[in-house]
Amino acid sequence: MTPIAEILAAATATDTGMRVAIPGDWMQGRTTYGGLSAALALHAAQQSEPDLPPLRSAQIAFIGPLAGDVTVTATRLRRGRNAAFVQADVTSEAGLGLRASFVFMAPLASKIAHDAAPPAPRQPPPPDAPLYVGDPGFFTNNFEFFDDKSPLSPAEWLRWTRLRARDGLDAMVELLAIGDALPPAALRLIGGFAPLSSLTWTINLVDPAPTTTDGWWLLSARADRAADGYSSQRMAVWNARGGLVADAMQGVAIFA
């Protein structure tokens, strides 16, 4: 298990971002776990501009494999009075592996105050709940999970998740690192392992300052349609108080 804060602390700063070594225990097959790649991109974006407002949205493309030493570059696309757009690329010897566009936006005075978001459909795990982690040497070993085994739809996951080592992390970096931790929902239709690849991930942060209790976040992924090797799934993240903090969608290629 390698804490993300330790990975960031060991990074070498460059004029446009940083160089980072990806530990083997954050790998997902032949590429880095997508949540970590996205979190590294966000960290570089945050460091590229002074006094950025809160992160509100991220559009992420998983373009190719990332492993070993990677370079993260961040570029300002535009900064206005209220919003800043920053692009971040992550590359390795194999070439461009990830491109992200981040939108940071300050709160605005508004006549609208509407919240019809559903609360978390599950209670957080009790202190004595049986938790599980992934196999050593695989990225899931960096997380703890709780599944109360409640009934779900045929292509749906719903799990409480937390990083085993989360001290010293920016809240948004932590959320991106955690938000992609579930397997693709369509994988449940197969009933076992299948080669797959996340293609895109769009995540909107509805809470500009997300917090939770004991590190727990409830992750949801649901695919209503999967065909021709492609699945589009809807995702959500709630905190331990039941409040929605993020909405997301993801496109996934499934080679089965």
Protein backbone atom coordinates (compact mmCIF):
# COMPACT_ATOMS: atom_id res chain seq x y z
CA MET A 1 0.00 0.00 0.00
CA THR A 2 1.40 3.38 -1.05
CA PRO A 3 -0.34 6.55 0.22
CA ILE A 4 -1.15 9.09 -2.49
CA ALA A 5 0.32 11.83 -0.29
CA GLU A 6 3.61 9.92 -0.37
CA ILE A 7 3.49 9.69 -4.17
CA LEU A 8 2.92 13.44 -4.43
CA ALA A 9 5.63 14.23 -1.90
CA ALA A 10 8.15 12.27 -3.98
CA ALA A 11 7.20 14.03 -7.23
CA THR A 12 9.75 16.23 -8.99
CA ALA A 13 8.49 19.67 -9.94
CA THR A 14 8.89 20.91 -13.53
CA ASP A 15 8.18 24.25 -15.18
CA THR A 16 4.79 22.98 -16.37
CA GLY A 17 3.85 20.39 -13.76
CA MET A 18 5.66 17.41 -12.27
CA ARG A 19 7.24 14.02 -12.85
CA VAL A 20 5.90 11.13 -10.79
CA ALA A 21 6.79 7.46 -10.34
CA ILE A 22 3.72 5.19 -10.29
CA PRO A 23 4.10 2.41 -7.68
CA GLY A 24 3.25 -1.11 -8.76
CA ASP A 25 0.49 -1.37 -6.17
CA TRP A 26 -1.51 1.31 -7.98
CA MET A 27 -1.62 -0.61 -11.26
CA GLN A 28 -4.79 -1.92 -12.89
CA GLY A 29 -3.54 -4.45 -15.39
CA ARG A 30 -1.05 -2.75 -17.70
CA THR A 31 -2.09 0.79 -16.79
CA THR A 32 -2.34 2.97 -13.71
CA TYR A 33 -5.68 2.95 -11.89
CA GLY A 34 -7.73 5.71 -13.52
CA GLY A 35 -8.66 7.43 -10.27
CA LEU A 36 -5.00 7.91 -9.37
CA SER A 37 -4.14 9.23 -12.85
CA ALA A 38 -7.03 11.71 -12.58
CA ALA A 39 -5.96 12.73 -9.07
CA LEU A 40 -2.39 13.40 -10.25
CA ALA A 41 -3.73 15.51 -13.10
CA LEU A 42 -5.91 17.51 -10.70
CA HIS A 43 -3.02 18.09 -8.30
CA ALA A 44 -0.90 19.50 -11.14
CA ALA A 45 -3.79 21.70 -12.26
CA GLN A 46 -4.26 23.03 -8.73
CA GLN A 47 -0.57 23.91 -8.50
CA SER A 48 -0.53 25.66 -11.89
CA GLU A 49 -2.65 28.67 -10.90
CA PRO A 50 -2.69 30.74 -7.70
CA ASP A 51 -5.85 30.99 -5.60
CA LEU A 52 -8.05 28.79 -7.73
CA PRO A 53 -11.73 28.62 -6.71
CA PRO A 54 -13.27 25.21 -5.92
CA LEU A 55 -13.29 22.43 -8.51
CA ARG A 56 -16.73 22.10 -10.08
CA SER A 57 -16.31 19.80 -13.05
CA ALA A 58 -13.81 17.48 -14.73
CA GLN A 59 -13.88 15.89 -18.17
CA ILE A 60 -11.34 13.09 -18.39
CA ALA A 61 -10.28 10.97 -21.36
CA PHE A 62 -8.36 7.75 -20.71
CA ILE A 63 -6.36 7.65 -23.93
CA GLY A 64 -3.67 5.05 -23.39
CA PRO A 65 -1.74 3.03 -20.81
CA LEU A 66 0.28 4.76 -18.10
CA ALA A 67 2.99 3.03 -16.07
CA GLY A 68 6.35 3.69 -14.45
CA ASP A 69 7.61 7.27 -14.60
CA VAL A 70 4.98 9.70 -15.88
CA THR A 71 4.99 13.40 -16.64
CA VAL A 72 2.04 15.60 -15.71
CA THR A 73 1.67 18.97 -17.41
CA ALA A 74 -0.95 21.62 -16.68
CA THR A 75 -1.98 24.46 -19.00
CA ARG A 76 -4.33 27.35 -18.34
CA LEU A 77 -6.97 27.49 -21.06
CA ARG A 78 -8.85 30.49 -19.75
CA ARG A 79 -9.37 32.33 -16.49
CA GLY A 80 -12.17 34.83 -16.05
CA ARG A 81 -13.60 36.62 -13.05
CA ASN A 82 -15.48 33.59 -11.78
CA ALA A 83 -14.20 30.48 -13.56
CA ALA A 84 -10.87 28.98 -14.58
CA PHE A 85 -10.33 26.23 -17.15
CA VAL A 86 -7.14 24.18 -16.82
CA GLN A 87 -6.05 21.28 -19.01
CA ALA A 88 -3.78 18.57 -17.63
CA ASP A 89 -2.04 15.80 -19.60
CA VAL A 90 -0.36 12.69 -18.19
CA THR A 91 2.19 10.98 -20.42
CA SER A 92 4.60 8.06 -20.13
CA GLU A 93 7.03 6.35 -22.46
CA ALA A 94 4.01 4.93 -24.31
CA GLY A 95 2.76 8.46 -25.05
CA LEU A 96 -0.28 10.44 -23.94
CA GLY A 97 -2.29 8.40 -21.46
CA LEU A 98 -4.77 10.87 -19.98
CA ARG A 99 -6.11 14.30 -20.83
CA ALA A 100 -8.31 16.19 -18.39
CA SER A 101 -10.14 19.49 -18.52
CA PHE A 102 -10.89 20.95 -15.09
CA VAL A 103 -13.34 23.75 -14.36
CA PHE A 104 -12.85 25.73 -11.16
CA MET A 105 -15.61 28.16 -10.26
CA ALA A 106 -16.26 30.52 -7.38
CA PRO A 107 -19.70 30.62 -5.72
CA LEU A 108 -22.01 33.27 -7.17
CA ALA A 109 -24.92 35.16 -5.68
CA SER A 110 -28.04 33.50 -7.08
CA LYS A 111 -31.83 33.64 -6.88
CA ILE A 112 -31.87 29.84 -7.24
CA ALA A 113 -31.65 27.50 -4.25
CA HIS A 114 -32.91 24.11 -5.42
CA ASP A 115 -31.91 20.68 -4.14
CA ALA A 116 -33.83 17.60 -5.23
CA ALA A 117 -30.84 15.27 -5.09
CA PRO A 118 -31.68 11.90 -3.52
CA PRO A 119 -29.98 11.12 -0.20
CA ALA A 120 -27.60 8.19 0.10
CA PRO A 121 -29.61 4.97 -0.23
CA ARG A 122 -27.47 3.11 2.32
CA GLN A 123 -26.25 3.84 5.84
CA PRO A 124 -22.48 4.01 6.42
CA PRO A 125 -20.84 0.93 7.94
CA PRO A 126 -21.01 0.53 11.73
CA PRO A 127 -17.71 0.50 13.64
CA ASP A 128 -17.66 -3.31 13.80
CA ALA A 129 -18.60 -3.87 10.15
CA PRO A 130 -16.63 -6.51 8.21
CA LEU A 131 -14.46 -4.61 5.73
CA TYR A 132 -12.45 -5.97 2.84
CA VAL A 133 -9.53 -4.81 0.69
CA GLY A 134 -8.20 -5.91 -2.66
CA ASP A 135 -5.32 -8.25 -3.34
CA PRO A 136 -1.79 -6.99 -2.57
CA GLY A 137 -0.12 -5.61 -5.67
CA PHE A 138 -3.45 -4.46 -7.17
CA PHE A 139 -4.81 -0.92 -6.83
CA THR A 140 -7.81 -2.01 -4.74
CA ASN A 141 -5.44 -2.89 -1.91
CA ASN A 142 -5.21 0.86 -1.26
CA PHE A 143 -8.92 0.98 -0.36
CA GLU A 144 -11.30 -0.42 2.21
CA PHE A 145 -14.80 -1.42 1.10
CA PHE A 146 -18.09 -2.24 2.80
CA ASP A 147 -20.98 -3.96 1.04
CA ASP A 148 -24.16 -4.64 3.02
CA LYS A 149 -25.33 -7.13 0.33
CA SER A 150 -28.62 -5.29 -0.24
CA PRO A 151 -30.42 -6.20 -3.48
CA LEU A 152 -29.32 -4.27 -6.56
CA SER A 153 -30.32 -4.12 -10.21
CA PRO A 154 -28.53 -6.55 -12.56
CA ALA A 155 -25.92 -3.99 -13.67
CA GLU A 156 -25.31 -1.91 -10.54
CA TRP A 157 -22.70 -1.50 -7.81
CA LEU A 158 -23.21 0.32 -4.51
CA ARG A 159 -20.37 0.27 -2.00
CA TRP A 160 -18.99 2.35 0.83
CA THR A 161 -15.34 3.07 0.05
CA ARG A 162 -12.45 4.83 1.72
CA LEU A 163 -8.73 5.22 1.18
CA ARG A 164 -6.69 3.28 3.70
CA ALA A 165 -4.19 6.17 3.80
CA ARG A 166 -5.81 9.56 3.26
CA ASP A 167 -4.04 11.98 5.63
CA GLY A 168 -2.71 15.15 4.02
CA LEU A 169 -4.81 14.94 0.87
CA ASP A 170 -6.80 17.77 -0.68
CA ALA A 171 -10.50 16.84 -0.52
CA MET A 172 -11.00 17.05 -4.29
CA VAL A 173 -7.87 15.00 -4.99
CA GLU A 174 -9.21 12.38 -2.59
CA LEU A 175 -12.61 12.37 -4.31
CA LEU A 176 -11.12 11.84 -7.77
CA ALA A 177 -8.91 9.09 -6.42
CA ILE A 178 -11.92 7.33 -4.90
CA GLY A 179 -14.60 8.10 -7.48
CA ASP A 180 -13.45 5.50 -10.02
CA ALA A 181 -12.86 2.66 -7.53
CA LEU A 182 -15.87 0.52 -8.48
CA PRO A 183 -15.70 -2.01 -11.32
CA PRO A 184 -17.80 -1.07 -14.37
CA ALA A 185 -21.43 -1.83 -13.58
CA ALA A 186 -21.93 -3.86 -16.78
CA LEU A 187 -19.33 -6.32 -15.53
CA ARG A 188 -22.00 -7.78 -13.25
CA LEU A 189 -23.85 -9.01 -16.32
CA ILE A 190 -20.91 -11.25 -17.17
CA GLY A 191 -20.57 -12.70 -13.68
CA GLY A 192 -16.79 -12.77 -13.73
CA PHE A 193 -13.65 -11.10 -15.03
CA ALA A 194 -13.45 -9.61 -18.51
CA PRO A 195 -10.90 -7.31 -20.16
CA LEU A 196 -12.15 -3.74 -20.07
CA SER A 197 -11.03 -0.15 -20.43
CA SER A 198 -12.52 3.09 -19.16
CA LEU A 199 -12.71 5.56 -22.04
CA THR A 200 -14.14 8.77 -20.62
CA TRP A 201 -15.24 10.09 -17.25
CA THR A 202 -17.23 13.26 -16.59
CA ILE A 203 -17.73 14.22 -12.96
CA ASN A 204 -19.56 17.28 -11.60
CA LEU A 205 -18.94 18.33 -8.01
CA VAL A 206 -22.19 19.59 -6.48
CA ASP A 207 -20.53 20.35 -3.14
CA PRO A 208 -17.68 22.89 -3.35
CA ALA A 209 -16.20 21.77 -0.01
CA PRO A 210 -16.95 18.06 0.42
CA THR A 211 -16.35 16.43 3.80
CA THR A 212 -17.32 13.10 5.29
CA THR A 213 -16.87 11.01 8.45
CA ASP A 214 -14.10 8.42 8.95
CA GLY A 215 -13.15 8.72 5.28
CA TRP A 216 -16.28 6.94 4.01
CA TRP A 217 -17.89 7.77 0.65
CA LEU A 218 -20.77 5.83 -0.89
CA LEU A 219 -20.08 5.05 -4.56
CA SER A 220 -22.77 4.12 -7.06
CA ALA A 221 -22.42 2.91 -10.65
CA ARG A 222 -25.33 1.78 -12.82
CA ALA A 223 -25.44 0.79 -16.49
CA ASP A 224 -28.90 0.83 -18.05
CA ARG A 225 -27.60 -0.29 -21.42
CA ALA A 226 -24.52 -2.20 -22.58
CA ALA A 227 -24.07 -3.54 -26.11
CA ASP A 228 -21.49 -3.89 -28.87
CA GLY A 229 -18.66 -3.85 -26.34
CA TYR A 230 -19.61 -0.41 -25.00
CA SER A 231 -21.39 0.66 -21.83
CA SER A 232 -22.47 4.09 -20.63
CA GLN A 233 -22.94 4.22 -16.89
CA ARG A 234 -24.20 6.79 -14.41
CA MET A 235 -22.30 7.28 -11.18
CA ALA A 236 -22.71 9.18 -7.91
CA VAL A 237 -20.83 9.86 -4.69
CA TRP A 238 -22.43 10.59 -1.28
CA ASN A 239 -20.78 11.48 2.02
CA ALA A 240 -21.40 9.64 5.30
CA ARG A 241 -24.14 12.12 6.25
CA GLY A 242 -26.10 11.07 3.16
CA GLY A 243 -25.45 14.21 1.12
CA LEU A 244 -24.74 13.98 -2.59
CA VAL A 245 -21.31 15.42 -3.42
CA ALA A 246 -20.78 14.35 -7.06
CA ASP A 247 -22.65 13.23 -10.18
CA ALA A 248 -20.79 11.45 -12.96
CA MET A 249 -20.98 9.48 -16.19
CA GLN A 250 -18.47 7.10 -17.68
CA GLY A 251 -18.00 5.36 -21.01
CA VAL A 252 -16.44 1.89 -20.81
CA ALA A 253 -15.20 -0.60 -23.42
CA ILE A 254 -15.78 -4.23 -22.38
CA PHE A 255 -14.04 -6.88 -24.48
CA ALA A 256 -16.42 -9.75 -23.83
